Amino acid sequence: MPTVSDVIAALDALWPPELAEPWDAVGLVCGDPDAEVTRVLFAVDPVPEVADEAIRLGADLLVTHHPLYLRGTTTVAPLGAAGFKGRVVHTLIRGGVALLVAHTNADRADPGVSDALAAAVDLRVTGPLVPDPTDPEGRRGLGRLCELEAPLPLREFAARAAHGLPRTAGGLRVAGDPDTPVRTVAVCGGSGDSLFAEVRAAGVDVFLTADLRHHPASEARQAGAPALVDAAHWATEWPWCEQAAGQLDEISDRHGWALRTHVSHTVTDPWTAHAPSTTPTSPVPSASSGAPR
């Protein structure tokens, strides 16, 4: 059986750590590099529920997209407001589970997080939205430019995205004329409102991403940005877990490792319910307001 370091070396070849942003925290967080690995669990978030799932599963390695400690820390004590992170570390170590993070290095890889998002919505990838200048083949980078086989009205494209992505409480938000024809699409798994300039320059019909904030989205639309489809952050990155598990399966078969890979279906999106607005979009004047009746 392979060791933790064997599996990490194979995954580093898929998602080279040097592709990560300078501020990022990727790589091995805890675990014995010499320990044997028989089961690997992939998930988006290294939260206590996922750590407990890894223990129940009997996993030896947990691979998550999001870092456990993105900012510096001086303690892993399970105390205080961020004590859950220390509890995750203690839970994993007691259970003999190593933790590996592949974050922005997996975003920029080929294939990467946005390729998995495009596949979930049945889009054909034509290239990166923001190419990596160090890639001579022009395949790596942030986001992806995509095409539909045939144009769809925006409302149907949004429904297609909602069907292809895992269900979350918030669902999808849409900005744009529902009848606008959509043929070309930019996608970015995770937070994408820093890429509006590149999306406008690409001239696509719609941008599918997550975490769109009011002011950037409003200003982008006023400046001529395409239609927007805003999904839950977790939902846009979860398809990568299935893609990554499939990649490790291929590596395992090639090396004769007989690894078992699993994908967590635990929904770690922080929003748990959605209450539709019931107030009319235009206030109705009351009889005492002095407005015409």
C-alpha atoms as a PDB file:
ATOM      1  CA  MET A   1       0.000   0.000   0.000  1.00  0.00           C
ATOM      2  CA  PRO A   2       1.157   3.566  -0.600  1.00  0.00           C
ATOM      3  CA  THR A   3       2.153   5.893   2.198  1.00  0.00           C
ATOM      4  CA  VAL A   4       0.777   9.357   2.847  1.00  0.00           C
ATOM      5  CA  SER A   5       3.870  10.826   1.214  1.00  0.00           C
ATOM      6  CA  ASP A   6       3.386   8.591  -1.866  1.00  0.00           C
ATOM      7  CA  VAL A   7      -0.186   9.802  -2.327  1.00  0.00           C
ATOM      8  CA  ILE A   8       0.781  13.434  -1.717  1.00  0.00           C
ATOM      9  CA  ALA A   9       3.519  13.195  -4.350  1.00  0.00           C
ATOM     10  CA  ALA A  10       0.977  11.883  -6.853  1.00  0.00           C
ATOM     11  CA  LEU A  11      -1.545  14.610  -5.999  1.00  0.00           C
ATOM     12  CA  ASP A  12       1.117  17.322  -6.083  1.00  0.00           C
ATOM     13  CA  ALA A  13       1.746  16.313  -9.694  1.00  0.00           C
ATOM     14  CA  LEU A  14      -1.950  16.977 -10.413  1.00  0.00           C
ATOM     15  CA  TRP A  15      -2.114  20.238  -8.455  1.00  0.00           C
ATOM     16  CA  PRO A  16       1.450  21.581  -8.140  1.00  0.00           C
ATOM     17  CA  PRO A  17       1.789  23.539  -4.878  1.00  0.00           C
ATOM     18  CA  GLU A  18       3.751  26.236  -6.710  1.00  0.00           C
ATOM     19  CA  LEU A  19       0.541  27.173  -8.541  1.00  0.00           C
ATOM     20  CA  ALA A  20      -1.016  28.312  -5.261  1.00  0.00           C
ATOM     21  CA  GLU A  21      -1.410  32.002  -4.505  1.00  0.00           C
ATOM     22  CA  PRO A  22       1.276  33.431  -2.178  1.00  0.00           C
ATOM     23  CA  TRP A  23      -1.314  34.006   0.560  1.00  0.00           C
ATOM     24  CA  ASP A  24      -2.651  30.449   0.401  1.00  0.00           C
ATOM     25  CA  ALA A  25      -1.995  27.546   2.789  1.00  0.00           C
ATOM     26  CA  VAL A  26      -1.832  24.254   0.883  1.00  0.00           C
ATOM     27  CA  GLY A  27      -0.183  20.904   1.515  1.00  0.00           C
ATOM     28  CA  LEU A  28      -0.055  18.514   4.452  1.00  0.00           C
ATOM     29  CA  VAL A  29      -1.645  19.948   7.608  1.00  0.00           C
ATOM     30  CA  CYS A  30      -1.319  16.951   9.924  1.00  0.00           C
ATOM     31  CA  GLY A  31      -0.559  13.267   9.683  1.00  0.00           C
ATOM     32  CA  ASP A  32       2.408  10.895   9.518  1.00  0.00           C
ATOM     33  CA  PRO A  33       3.989  10.963   6.029  1.00  0.00           C
ATOM     34  CA  ASP A  34       5.105   7.336   6.500  1.00  0.00           C
ATOM     35  CA  ALA A  35       1.666   5.992   7.444  1.00  0.00           C
ATOM     36  CA  GLU A  36      -0.013   3.635   4.974  1.00  0.00           C
ATOM     37  CA  VAL A  37      -3.093   4.770   3.071  1.00  0.00           C
ATOM     38  CA  THR A  38      -5.972   2.490   2.087  1.00  0.00           C
ATOM     39  CA  ARG A  39      -8.930   4.931   2.010  1.00  0.00           C
ATOM     40  CA  VAL A  40      -9.082   8.571   0.969  1.00  0.00           C
ATOM     41  CA  LEU A  41     -11.998  10.946   1.547  1.00  0.00           C
ATOM     42  CA  PHE A  42     -12.449  14.121  -0.534  1.00  0.00           C
ATOM     43  CA  ALA A  43     -14.445  17.091   0.763  1.00  0.00           C
ATOM     44  CA  VAL A  44     -14.701  20.856   0.342  1.00  0.00           C
ATOM     45  CA  ASP A  45     -14.415  21.969   3.979  1.00  0.00           C
ATOM     46  CA  PRO A  46     -12.284  20.617   6.855  1.00  0.00           C
ATOM     47  CA  VAL A  47     -15.011  21.074   9.465  1.00  0.00           C
ATOM     48  CA  PRO A  48     -15.786  18.791  12.439  1.00  0.00           C
ATOM     49  CA  GLU A  49     -18.613  16.988  10.621  1.00  0.00           C
ATOM     50  CA  VAL A  50     -16.247  16.015   7.822  1.00  0.00           C
ATOM     51  CA  ALA A  51     -13.491  14.974  10.255  1.00  0.00           C
ATOM     52  CA  ASP A  52     -16.013  12.723  12.040  1.00  0.00           C
ATOM     53  CA  GLU A  53     -17.085  11.301   8.673  1.00  0.00           C
ATOM     54  CA  ALA A  54     -13.465  10.464   7.848  1.00  0.00           C
ATOM     55  CA  ILE A  55     -13.142   8.586  11.153  1.00  0.00           C
ATOM     56  CA  ARG A  56     -16.382   6.635  10.617  1.00  0.00           C
ATOM     57  CA  LEU A  57     -15.278   5.737   7.107  1.00  0.00           C
ATOM     58  CA  GLY A  58     -11.910   4.469   8.269  1.00  0.00           C
ATOM     59  CA  ALA A  59     -10.082   6.895   5.983  1.00  0.00           C
ATOM     60  CA  ASP A  60      -6.330   7.323   6.354  1.00  0.00           C
ATOM     61  CA  LEU A  61      -6.233  10.579   4.383  1.00  0.00           C
ATOM     62  CA  LEU A  62      -8.695  13.459   4.100  1.00  0.00           C
ATOM     63  CA  VAL A  63      -8.221  15.794   1.132  1.00  0.00           C
ATOM     64  CA  THR A  64     -10.086  19.101   1.305  1.00  0.00           C
ATOM     65  CA  HIS A  65     -10.248  22.071  -1.011  1.00  0.00           C
ATOM     66  CA  HIS A  66     -10.444  24.733   1.671  1.00  0.00           C
ATOM     67  CA  PRO A  67      -7.569  25.220   4.115  1.00  0.00           C
ATOM     68  CA  LEU A  68      -8.044  24.552   7.805  1.00  0.00           C
ATOM     69  CA  TYR A  69      -5.638  27.316   8.813  1.00  0.00           C
ATOM     70  CA  LEU A  70      -5.538  29.965   6.108  1.00  0.00           C
ATOM     71  CA  ARG A  71      -4.065  32.544   8.462  1.00  0.00           C
ATOM     72  CA  GLY A  72      -1.217  31.997  10.877  1.00  0.00           C
ATOM     73  CA  THR A  73      -1.891  30.404  14.245  1.00  0.00           C
ATOM     74  CA  THR A  74       0.104  29.756  17.392  1.00  0.00           C
ATOM     75  CA  THR A  75      -2.037  26.981  18.827  1.00  0.00           C
ATOM     76  CA  VAL A  76      -4.223  24.034  17.919  1.00  0.00           C
ATOM     77  CA  ALA A  77      -5.906  24.043  21.328  1.00  0.00           C
ATOM     78  CA  PRO A  78      -9.656  23.325  20.985  1.00  0.00           C
ATOM     79  CA  LEU A  79     -10.531  26.534  22.824  1.00  0.00           C
ATOM     80  CA  GLY A  80     -12.073  29.876  21.979  1.00  0.00           C
ATOM     81  CA  ALA A  81     -14.038  31.075  18.962  1.00  0.00           C
ATOM     82  CA  ALA A  82     -11.822  29.178  16.517  1.00  0.00           C
ATOM     83  CA  GLY A  83     -11.508  26.145  18.781  1.00  0.00           C
ATOM     84  CA  PHE A  84     -13.313  23.929  16.274  1.00  0.00           C
ATOM     85  CA  LYS A  85     -10.158  23.983  14.147  1.00  0.00           C
ATOM     86  CA  GLY A  86      -8.120  22.587  17.002  1.00  0.00           C
ATOM     87  CA  ARG A  87     -10.791  19.946  17.562  1.00  0.00           C
ATOM     88  CA  VAL A  88     -10.491  18.940  13.904  1.00  0.00           C
ATOM     89  CA  VAL A  89      -6.724  18.526  14.286  1.00  0.00           C
ATOM     90  CA  HIS A  90      -7.089  16.460  17.468  1.00  0.00           C
ATOM     91  CA  THR A  91      -9.873  14.327  15.989  1.00  0.00           C
ATOM     92  CA  LEU A  92      -7.871  13.532  12.882  1.00  0.00           C
ATOM     93  CA  ILE A  93      -4.642  12.769  14.731  1.00  0.00           C
ATOM     94  CA  ARG A  94      -6.398  10.516  17.254  1.00  0.00           C
ATOM     95  CA  GLY A  95      -8.074   8.709  14.368  1.00  0.00           C
ATOM     96  CA  GLY A  96      -4.881   8.322  12.361  1.00  0.00           C
ATOM     97  CA  VAL A  97      -6.181  10.493   9.512  1.00  0.00           C
ATOM     98  CA  ALA A  98      -3.839  12.812   7.624  1.00  0.00           C
ATOM     99  CA  LEU A  99      -5.185  16.090   6.203  1.00  0.00           C
ATOM    100  CA  LEU A 100      -4.075  17.478   2.845  1.00  0.00           C
ATOM    101  CA  VAL A 101      -5.271  20.803   1.372  1.00  0.00           C
ATOM    102  CA  ALA A 102      -5.386  21.605  -2.361  1.00  0.00           C
ATOM    103  CA  HIS A 103      -6.831  25.100  -2.762  1.00  0.00           C
ATOM    104  CA  THR A 104      -5.754  27.711  -5.331  1.00  0.00           C
ATOM    105  CA  ASN A 105      -3.300  25.206  -6.779  1.00  0.00           C
ATOM    106  CA  ALA A 106      -6.343  23.053  -7.635  1.00  0.00           C
ATOM    107  CA  ASP A 107      -8.138  26.144  -8.969  1.00  0.00           C
ATOM    108  CA  ARG A 108      -5.328  26.834 -11.480  1.00  0.00           C
ATOM    109  CA  ALA A 109      -4.600  23.216 -12.428  1.00  0.00           C
ATOM    110  CA  ASP A 110      -5.537  21.423 -15.640  1.00  0.00           C
ATOM    111  CA  PRO A 111      -8.073  20.029 -15.016  1.00  0.00           C
ATOM    112  CA  GLY A 112      -9.033  22.168 -12.061  1.00  0.00           C
ATOM    113  CA  VAL A 113     -11.976  23.243  -9.963  1.00  0.00           C
ATOM    114  CA  SER A 114     -13.628  25.251 -12.744  1.00  0.00           C
ATOM    115  CA  ASP A 115     -13.346  22.340 -15.188  1.00  0.00           C
ATOM    116  CA  ALA A 116     -15.369  20.248 -12.746  1.00  0.00           C
ATOM    117  CA  LEU A 117     -17.924  23.061 -12.424  1.00  0.00           C
ATOM    118  CA  ALA A 118     -18.237  23.282 -16.214  1.00  0.00           C
ATOM    119  CA  ALA A 119     -18.706  19.511 -16.480  1.00  0.00           C
ATOM    120  CA  ALA A 120     -21.449  19.565 -13.839  1.00  0.00           C
ATOM    121  CA  VAL A 121     -23.406  22.029 -16.004  1.00  0.00           C
ATOM    122  CA  ASP A 122     -22.565  20.137 -19.220  1.00  0.00           C
ATOM    123  CA  LEU A 123     -20.448  22.899 -20.773  1.00  0.00           C
ATOM    124  CA  ARG A 124     -17.602  22.480 -23.247  1.00  0.00           C
ATOM    125  CA  VAL A 125     -14.435  24.169 -21.987  1.00  0.00           C
ATOM    126  CA  THR A 126     -12.575  26.222 -24.600  1.00  0.00           C
ATOM    127  CA  GLY A 127      -9.797  27.616 -22.377  1.00  0.00           C
ATOM    128  CA  PRO A 128      -8.962  29.432 -19.141  1.00  0.00           C
ATOM    129  CA  LEU A 129     -10.618  32.727 -18.254  1.00  0.00           C
ATOM    130  CA  VAL A 130      -7.345  34.070 -16.809  1.00  0.00           C
ATOM    131  CA  PRO A 131      -4.502  32.099 -18.429  1.00  0.00           C
ATOM    132  CA  ASP A 132      -1.445  31.116 -16.395  1.00  0.00           C
ATOM    133  CA  PRO A 133       1.477  32.849 -18.154  1.00  0.00           C
ATOM    134  CA  THR A 134       3.817  30.032 -17.117  1.00  0.00           C
ATOM    135  CA  ASP A 135       1.796  27.406 -19.020  1.00  0.00           C
ATOM    136  CA  PRO A 136       3.052  27.129 -22.616  1.00  0.00           C
ATOM    137  CA  GLU A 137       0.001  25.080 -23.610  1.00  0.00           C
ATOM    138  CA  GLY A 138      -2.417  27.757 -22.375  1.00  0.00           C
ATOM    139  CA  ARG A 139      -4.625  25.324 -20.466  1.00  0.00           C
ATOM    140  CA  ARG A 140      -4.023  26.302 -16.848  1.00  0.00           C
ATOM    141  CA  GLY A 141      -5.377  29.376 -15.083  1.00  0.00           C
ATOM    142  CA  LEU A 142      -8.286  30.783 -13.118  1.00  0.00           C
ATOM    143  CA  GLY A 143     -11.825  30.156 -14.293  1.00  0.00           C
ATOM    144  CA  ARG A 144     -12.835  28.668 -17.619  1.00  0.00           C
ATOM    145  CA  LEU A 145     -14.416  29.897 -20.844  1.00  0.00           C
ATOM    146  CA  CYS A 146     -17.095  27.540 -22.087  1.00  0.00           C
ATOM    147  CA  GLU A 147     -19.723  26.984 -24.765  1.00  0.00           C
ATOM    148  CA  LEU A 148     -23.145  25.375 -24.907  1.00  0.00           C
ATOM    149  CA  GLU A 149     -23.937  22.987 -27.742  1.00  0.00           C
ATOM    150  CA  ALA A 150     -26.943  25.140 -28.614  1.00  0.00           C
ATOM    151  CA  PRO A 151     -28.163  28.503 -27.278  1.00  0.00           C
ATOM    152  CA  LEU A 152     -30.577  28.547 -24.347  1.00  0.00           C
ATOM    153  CA  PRO A 153     -32.591  31.378 -22.807  1.00  0.00           C
ATOM    154  CA  LEU A 154     -31.011  32.589 -19.572  1.00  0.00           C
ATOM    155  CA  ARG A 155     -33.874  31.146 -17.512  1.00  0.00           C
ATOM    156  CA  GLU A 156     -33.239  27.677 -18.989  1.00  0.00           C
ATOM    157  CA  PHE A 157     -29.495  27.964 -18.498  1.00  0.00           C
ATOM    158  CA  ALA A 158     -30.050  28.877 -14.832  1.00  0.00           C
ATOM    159  CA  ALA A 159     -32.372  25.882 -14.442  1.00  0.00           C
ATOM    160  CA  ARG A 160     -29.711  23.675 -16.037  1.00  0.00           C
ATOM    161  CA  ALA A 161     -27.094  24.965 -13.595  1.00  0.00           C
ATOM    162  CA  ALA A 162     -29.452  24.423 -10.662  1.00  0.00           C
ATOM    163  CA  HIS A 163     -30.023  20.839 -11.805  1.00  0.00           C
ATOM    164  CA  GLY A 164     -26.320  20.107 -12.293  1.00  0.00           C
ATOM    165  CA  LEU A 165     -25.068  21.487  -8.991  1.00  0.00           C
ATOM    166  CA  PRO A 166     -25.752  19.996  -5.549  1.00  0.00           C
ATOM    167  CA  ARG A 167     -28.780  21.389  -3.767  1.00  0.00           C
ATOM    168  CA  THR A 168     -28.278  24.153  -1.221  1.00  0.00           C
ATOM    169  CA  ALA A 169     -30.706  26.238   0.825  1.00  0.00           C
ATOM    170  CA  GLY A 170     -30.005  29.412  -1.135  1.00  0.00           C
ATOM    171  CA  GLY A 171     -30.274  27.935  -4.611  1.00  0.00           C
ATOM    172  CA  LEU A 172     -29.138  30.227  -7.453  1.00  0.00           C
ATOM    173  CA  ARG A 173     -29.608  33.959  -8.029  1.00  0.00           C
ATOM    174  CA  VAL A 174     -29.842  35.360 -11.546  1.00  0.00           C
ATOM    175  CA  ALA A 175     -29.213  38.869 -12.909  1.00  0.00           C
ATOM    176  CA  GLY A 176     -30.332  39.613 -16.466  1.00  0.00           C
ATOM    177  CA  ASP A 177     -33.228  39.328 -18.879  1.00  0.00           C
ATOM    178  CA  PRO A 178     -34.603  35.768 -18.539  1.00  0.00           C
ATOM    179  CA  ASP A 179     -35.076  35.612 -22.320  1.00  0.00           C
ATOM    180  CA  THR A 180     -31.468  36.574 -23.148  1.00  0.00           C
ATOM    181  CA  PRO A 181     -29.927  33.875 -25.358  1.00  0.00           C
ATOM    182  CA  VAL A 182     -26.917  32.158 -23.788  1.00  0.00           C
ATOM    183  CA  ARG A 183     -24.264  30.400 -25.876  1.00  0.00           C
ATOM    184  CA  THR A 184     -20.932  31.367 -24.279  1.00  0.00           C
ATOM    185  CA  VAL A 185     -20.277  31.082 -20.549  1.00  0.00           C
ATOM    186  CA  ALA A 186     -17.502  31.990 -18.125  1.00  0.00           C
ATOM    187  CA  VAL A 187     -17.328  29.897 -14.971  1.00  0.00           C
ATOM    188  CA  CYS A 188     -15.313  30.243 -11.787  1.00  0.00           C
ATOM    189  CA  GLY A 189     -15.666  27.862  -8.871  1.00  0.00           C
ATOM    190  CA  GLY A 190     -15.803  29.769  -5.600  1.00  0.00           C
ATOM    191  CA  SER A 191     -15.749  33.552  -5.224  1.00  0.00           C
ATOM    192  CA  GLY A 192     -15.593  35.137  -8.669  1.00  0.00           C
ATOM    193  CA  ASP A 193     -16.425  38.836  -8.413  1.00  0.00           C
ATOM    194  CA  SER A 194     -12.754  39.820  -8.644  1.00  0.00           C
ATOM    195  CA  LEU A 195     -12.784  38.604 -12.269  1.00  0.00           C
ATOM    196  CA  PHE A 196     -15.434  40.933 -13.717  1.00  0.00           C
ATOM    197  CA  ALA A 197     -12.912  42.790 -15.891  1.00  0.00           C
ATOM    198  CA  GLU A 198     -11.733  39.526 -17.456  1.00  0.00           C
ATOM    199  CA  VAL A 199     -15.317  38.339 -17.917  1.00  0.00           C
ATOM    200  CA  ARG A 200     -16.292  41.550 -19.740  1.00  0.00           C
ATOM    201  CA  ALA A 201     -13.178  41.310 -21.916  1.00  0.00           C
ATOM    202  CA  ALA A 202     -14.084  37.735 -22.854  1.00  0.00           C
ATOM    203  CA  GLY A 203     -17.445  38.885 -24.237  1.00  0.00           C
ATOM    204  CA  VAL A 204     -19.395  35.923 -22.882  1.00  0.00           C
ATOM    205  CA  ASP A 205     -23.165  35.833 -22.477  1.00  0.00           C
ATOM    206  CA  VAL A 206     -23.247  34.787 -18.807  1.00  0.00           C
ATOM    207  CA  PHE A 207     -20.927  34.385 -15.825  1.00  0.00           C
ATOM    208  CA  LEU A 208     -21.560  31.454 -13.462  1.00  0.00           C
ATOM    209  CA  THR A 209     -19.773  31.734 -10.116  1.00  0.00           C
ATOM    210  CA  ALA A 210     -20.431  32.227  -6.376  1.00  0.00           C
ATOM    211  CA  ASP A 211     -20.338  34.808  -3.584  1.00  0.00           C
ATOM    212  CA  LEU A 212     -21.293  37.779  -5.754  1.00  0.00           C
ATOM    213  CA  ARG A 213     -21.531  40.887  -3.569  1.00  0.00           C
ATOM    214  CA  HIS A 214     -24.043  43.673  -4.136  1.00  0.00           C
ATOM    215  CA  HIS A 215     -21.743  46.517  -5.144  1.00  0.00           C
ATOM    216  CA  PRO A 216     -19.362  44.611  -7.458  1.00  0.00           C
ATOM    217  CA  ALA A 217     -22.296  42.857  -9.138  1.00  0.00           C
ATOM    218  CA  SER A 218     -24.320  46.063  -9.503  1.00  0.00           C
ATOM    219  CA  GLU A 219     -21.374  48.030 -10.861  1.00  0.00           C
ATOM    220  CA  ALA A 220     -20.435  45.222 -13.241  1.00  0.00           C
ATOM    221  CA  ARG A 221     -23.955  45.071 -14.656  1.00  0.00           C
ATOM    222  CA  GLN A 222     -24.061  48.855 -15.075  1.00  0.00           C
ATOM    223  CA  ALA A 223     -20.696  48.689 -16.852  1.00  0.00           C
ATOM    224  CA  GLY A 224     -21.977  46.191 -19.369  1.00  0.00           C
ATOM    225  CA  ALA A 225     -21.134  42.862 -17.757  1.00  0.00           C
ATOM    226  CA  PRO A 226     -22.999  39.784 -19.020  1.00  0.00           C
ATOM    227  CA  ALA A 227     -25.851  38.103 -17.210  1.00  0.00           C
ATOM    228  CA  LEU A 228     -24.914  36.641 -13.852  1.00  0.00           C
ATOM    229  CA  VAL A 229     -25.750  33.338 -12.198  1.00  0.00           C
ATOM    230  CA  ASP A 230     -24.682  33.250  -8.559  1.00  0.00           C
ATOM    231  CA  ALA A 231     -24.616  29.862  -6.829  1.00  0.00           C
ATOM    232  CA  ALA A 232     -23.503  28.792  -3.342  1.00  0.00           C
ATOM    233  CA  HIS A 233     -19.730  28.743  -2.883  1.00  0.00           C
ATOM    234  CA  TRP A 234     -19.750  25.143  -1.634  1.00  0.00           C
ATOM    235  CA  ALA A 235     -21.938  23.991  -4.524  1.00  0.00           C
ATOM    236  CA  THR A 236     -19.606  25.395  -7.200  1.00  0.00           C
ATOM    237  CA  GLU A 237     -16.585  23.618  -5.716  1.00  0.00           C
ATOM    238  CA  TRP A 238     -18.086  20.292  -4.658  1.00  0.00           C
ATOM    239  CA  PRO A 239     -17.924  18.820  -8.212  1.00  0.00           C
ATOM    240  CA  TRP A 240     -14.125  19.039  -7.936  1.00  0.00           C
ATOM    241  CA  CYS A 241     -14.242  16.408  -5.195  1.00  0.00           C
ATOM    242  CA  GLU A 242     -15.674  13.851  -7.623  1.00  0.00           C
ATOM    243  CA  GLN A 243     -13.196  14.884 -10.311  1.00  0.00           C
ATOM    244  CA  ALA A 244     -10.276  14.614  -7.867  1.00  0.00           C
ATOM    245  CA  ALA A 245     -11.402  11.212  -6.600  1.00  0.00           C
ATOM    246  CA  GLY A 246     -11.561   9.974 -10.188  1.00  0.00           C
ATOM    247  CA  GLN A 247      -8.040  11.261 -10.853  1.00  0.00           C
ATOM    248  CA  LEU A 248      -6.692   9.447  -7.801  1.00  0.00           C
ATOM    249  CA  ASP A 249      -8.527   6.278  -8.850  1.00  0.00           C
ATOM    250  CA  GLU A 250      -6.634   6.359 -12.157  1.00  0.00           C
ATOM    251  CA  ILE A 251      -3.324   6.860 -10.366  1.00  0.00           C
ATOM    252  CA  SER A 252      -4.118   4.022  -7.955  1.00  0.00           C
ATOM    253  CA  ASP A 253      -4.925   1.663 -10.827  1.00  0.00           C
ATOM    254  CA  ARG A 254      -1.738   2.631 -12.637  1.00  0.00           C
ATOM    255  CA  HIS A 255       0.427   1.936  -9.584  1.00  0.00           C
ATOM    256  CA  GLY A 256      -1.509  -1.096  -8.373  1.00  0.00           C
ATOM    257  CA  TRP A 257      -2.284   0.599  -5.072  1.00  0.00           C
ATOM    258  CA  ALA A 258      -5.868  -0.676  -4.662  1.00  0.00           C
ATOM    259  CA  LEU A 259      -6.889   2.537  -2.898  1.00  0.00           C
ATOM    260  CA  ARG A 260     -10.539   3.187  -2.109  1.00  0.00           C
ATOM    261  CA  THR A 261     -11.648   6.762  -2.722  1.00  0.00           C
ATOM    262  CA  HIS A 262     -14.785   8.370  -1.342  1.00  0.00           C
ATOM    263  CA  VAL A 263     -16.497  11.730  -1.791  1.00  0.00           C
ATOM    264  CA  SER A 264     -18.208  13.395   1.143  1.00  0.00           C
ATOM    265  CA  HIS A 265     -21.853  14.252   0.519  1.00  0.00           C
ATOM    266  CA  THR A 266     -22.078  16.194   3.768  1.00  0.00           C
ATOM    267  CA  VAL A 267     -23.445  19.637   2.886  1.00  0.00           C
ATOM    268  CA  THR A 268     -21.074  22.113   4.543  1.00  0.00           C
ATOM    269  CA  ASP A 269     -22.580  25.223   2.995  1.00  0.00           C
ATOM    270  CA  PRO A 270     -23.190  27.471   6.030  1.00  0.00           C
ATOM    271  CA  TRP A 271     -26.726  28.491   4.958  1.00  0.00           C
ATOM    272  CA  THR A 272     -29.381  26.037   6.108  1.00  0.00           C
ATOM    273  CA  ALA A 273     -32.738  27.576   5.102  1.00  0.00           C
ATOM    274  CA  HIS A 274     -34.269  29.984   2.603  1.00  0.00           C
ATOM    275  CA  ALA A 275     -37.277  32.223   3.233  1.00  0.00           C
ATOM    276  CA  PRO A 276     -38.696  33.695  -0.013  1.00  0.00           C
ATOM    277  CA  SER A 277     -39.645  37.356   0.114  1.00  0.00           C
ATOM    278  CA  THR A 278     -43.382  37.937   0.464  1.00  0.00           C
ATOM    279  CA  THR A 279     -43.472  41.741   0.559  1.00  0.00           C
ATOM    280  CA  PRO A 280     -44.662  43.237  -2.759  1.00  0.00           C
ATOM    281  CA  THR A 281     -41.819  44.658  -4.841  1.00  0.00           C
ATOM    282  CA  SER A 282     -43.609  48.036  -4.960  1.00  0.00           C
ATOM    283  CA  PRO A 283     -45.063  49.333  -1.668  1.00  0.00           C
ATOM    284  CA  VAL A 284     -48.853  49.605  -1.727  1.00  0.00           C
ATOM    285  CA  PRO A 285     -49.979  53.061  -0.506  1.00  0.00           C
ATOM    286  CA  SER A 286     -52.203  52.981   2.541  1.00  0.00           C
ATOM    287  CA  ALA A 287     -55.443  54.971   2.847  1.00  0.00           C
ATOM    288  CA  SER A 288     -53.817  57.290   5.382  1.00  0.00           C
ATOM    289  CA  SER A 289     -50.709  58.037   3.362  1.00  0.00           C
ATOM    290  CA  GLY A 290     -52.257  60.809   1.295  1.00  0.00           C
ATOM    291  CA  ALA A 291     -51.523  58.944  -1.913  1.00  0.00           C
ATOM    292  CA  PRO A 292     -54.228  58.588  -4.573  1.00  0.00           C
ATOM    293  CA  ARG A 293     -56.531  55.607  -4.099  1.00  0.00           C
END
